[in-house]
Amino acid sequence: MAAFNLGDVVQLRESPSTRESASSTRGVVVDVKSAGELVSIKWIVRLTLEGDVTTHHPDELRSLFEWQKWQDSANQAAG
């Protein structure tokens, strides 16, 4: 099971129960509960749920560390 930290950028993993393409989702970890068993995500990009917070089991999520690192370097360059 992946360990997530506050501020991690994540996306949904592909699964039969996911109706949308996982690659079209991006969110930020805003809470980690029950010793990491539940992770709350505030969605930046997710059809009809942008800005909303939903809670997931860590196995449903994938970290986008490389994407986050790229965003951080772009923000530093801009500011």
C-alpha atoms as a PDB file:
ATOM      1  CA  MET A   1       0.000   0.000   0.000  1.00  0.00           C
ATOM      2  CA  ALA A   2       1.332   3.440  -0.928  1.00  0.00           C
ATOM      3  CA  ALA A   3       1.912   5.982   1.820  1.00  0.00           C
ATOM      4  CA  PHE A   4       0.571   9.445   1.054  1.00  0.00           C
ATOM      5  CA  ASN A   5       1.425  12.739   2.730  1.00  0.00           C
ATOM      6  CA  LEU A   6      -0.378  16.059   2.896  1.00  0.00           C
ATOM      7  CA  GLY A   7       0.239  18.000  -0.294  1.00  0.00           C
ATOM      8  CA  ASP A   8       0.995  14.973  -2.495  1.00  0.00           C
ATOM      9  CA  VAL A   9      -0.436  15.254  -5.997  1.00  0.00           C
ATOM     10  CA  VAL A  10      -2.353  12.120  -7.016  1.00  0.00           C
ATOM     11  CA  GLN A  11      -4.605  10.653  -9.675  1.00  0.00           C
ATOM     12  CA  LEU A  12      -7.076   7.786  -9.614  1.00  0.00           C
ATOM     13  CA  ARG A  13      -5.804   4.379 -10.668  1.00  0.00           C
ATOM     14  CA  GLU A  14      -7.562   2.640 -13.544  1.00  0.00           C
ATOM     15  CA  SER A  15     -10.267   0.282 -12.309  1.00  0.00           C
ATOM     16  CA  PRO A  16     -13.482  -1.256 -13.604  1.00  0.00           C
ATOM     17  CA  SER A  17     -15.484   0.872 -11.160  1.00  0.00           C
ATOM     18  CA  THR A  18     -13.925   4.119 -12.416  1.00  0.00           C
ATOM     19  CA  ARG A  19     -16.135   5.548 -15.119  1.00  0.00           C
ATOM     20  CA  GLU A  20     -13.725   8.289 -16.099  1.00  0.00           C
ATOM     21  CA  SER A  21     -10.217   8.021 -17.458  1.00  0.00           C
ATOM     22  CA  ALA A  22      -7.803   8.017 -14.533  1.00  0.00           C
ATOM     23  CA  SER A  23      -5.350  10.102 -16.543  1.00  0.00           C
ATOM     24  CA  SER A  24      -7.918  12.921 -16.573  1.00  0.00           C
ATOM     25  CA  THR A  25      -7.846  13.268 -12.772  1.00  0.00           C
ATOM     26  CA  ARG A  26      -5.525  15.342 -10.579  1.00  0.00           C
ATOM     27  CA  GLY A  27      -5.925  16.077  -6.893  1.00  0.00           C
ATOM     28  CA  VAL A  28      -4.040  17.095  -3.773  1.00  0.00           C
ATOM     29  CA  VAL A  29      -3.967  15.092  -0.535  1.00  0.00           C
ATOM     30  CA  VAL A  30      -5.634  17.236   2.148  1.00  0.00           C
ATOM     31  CA  ASP A  31      -6.034  14.643   4.935  1.00  0.00           C
ATOM     32  CA  VAL A  32      -4.717  11.206   5.881  1.00  0.00           C
ATOM     33  CA  LYS A  33      -6.785   9.246   8.423  1.00  0.00           C
ATOM     34  CA  SER A  34      -6.692   5.930  10.259  1.00  0.00           C
ATOM     35  CA  ALA A  35      -2.929   5.469  10.029  1.00  0.00           C
ATOM     36  CA  GLY A  36      -2.997   5.958   6.273  1.00  0.00           C
ATOM     37  CA  GLU A  37      -5.994   3.705   5.568  1.00  0.00           C
ATOM     38  CA  LEU A  38      -8.082   6.625   4.227  1.00  0.00           C
ATOM     39  CA  VAL A  39      -6.883   9.545   2.130  1.00  0.00           C
ATOM     40  CA  SER A  40      -8.941  12.678   1.418  1.00  0.00           C
ATOM     41  CA  ILE A  41      -8.315  14.345  -1.929  1.00  0.00           C
ATOM     42  CA  LYS A  42      -9.282  17.840  -3.080  1.00  0.00           C
ATOM     43  CA  TRP A  43      -9.747  17.501  -6.828  1.00  0.00           C
ATOM     44  CA  ILE A  44      -8.084  20.008  -9.148  1.00  0.00           C
ATOM     45  CA  VAL A  45      -9.109  18.142 -12.310  1.00  0.00           C
ATOM     46  CA  ARG A  46     -11.985  15.676 -12.162  1.00  0.00           C
ATOM     47  CA  LEU A  47     -15.182  15.863 -14.171  1.00  0.00           C
ATOM     48  CA  THR A  48     -18.021  17.325 -12.041  1.00  0.00           C
ATOM     49  CA  LEU A  49     -15.925  17.125  -8.840  1.00  0.00           C
ATOM     50  CA  GLU A  50     -13.387  19.941  -9.341  1.00  0.00           C
ATOM     51  CA  GLY A  51     -12.889  21.667  -5.985  1.00  0.00           C
ATOM     52  CA  ASP A  52     -14.654  18.895  -4.069  1.00  0.00           C
ATOM     53  CA  VAL A  53     -13.047  16.617  -1.490  1.00  0.00           C
ATOM     54  CA  THR A  54     -13.562  12.840  -1.595  1.00  0.00           C
ATOM     55  CA  THR A  55     -12.066  10.069   0.543  1.00  0.00           C
ATOM     56  CA  HIS A  56     -10.347   7.001  -0.910  1.00  0.00           C
ATOM     57  CA  HIS A  57      -8.410   3.911   0.054  1.00  0.00           C
ATOM     58  CA  PRO A  58      -4.734   4.411  -0.900  1.00  0.00           C
ATOM     59  CA  ASP A  59      -4.877   1.500  -3.372  1.00  0.00           C
ATOM     60  CA  GLU A  60      -7.282   3.580  -5.506  1.00  0.00           C
ATOM     61  CA  LEU A  61      -4.678   6.347  -5.964  1.00  0.00           C
ATOM     62  CA  ARG A  62      -1.359   6.870  -7.706  1.00  0.00           C
ATOM     63  CA  SER A  63       1.202   9.513  -6.691  1.00  0.00           C
ATOM     64  CA  LEU A  64       2.222  12.033  -9.309  1.00  0.00           C
ATOM     65  CA  PHE A  65       5.512  12.969  -7.686  1.00  0.00           C
ATOM     66  CA  GLU A  66       7.233  13.677 -10.998  1.00  0.00           C
ATOM     67  CA  TRP A  67       4.334  15.858 -12.132  1.00  0.00           C
ATOM     68  CA  GLN A  68       4.448  17.710  -8.795  1.00  0.00           C
ATOM     69  CA  LYS A  69       8.209  18.212  -9.089  1.00  0.00           C
ATOM     70  CA  TRP A  70       7.695  19.713 -12.555  1.00  0.00           C
ATOM     71  CA  GLN A  71       4.967  22.046 -11.234  1.00  0.00           C
ATOM     72  CA  ASP A  72       7.172  23.161  -8.350  1.00  0.00           C
ATOM     73  CA  SER A  73      10.048  24.025 -10.678  1.00  0.00           C
ATOM     74  CA  ALA A  74       7.669  25.989 -12.947  1.00  0.00           C
ATOM     75  CA  ASN A  75       6.332  27.931  -9.951  1.00  0.00           C
ATOM     76  CA  GLN A  76       9.864  28.755  -8.779  1.00  0.00           C
ATOM     77  CA  ALA A  77      10.819  29.961 -12.246  1.00  0.00           C
ATOM     78  CA  ALA A  78       7.727  32.179 -12.398  1.00  0.00           C
ATOM     79  CA  GLY A  79       8.075  33.672  -9.047  1.00  0.00           C
END
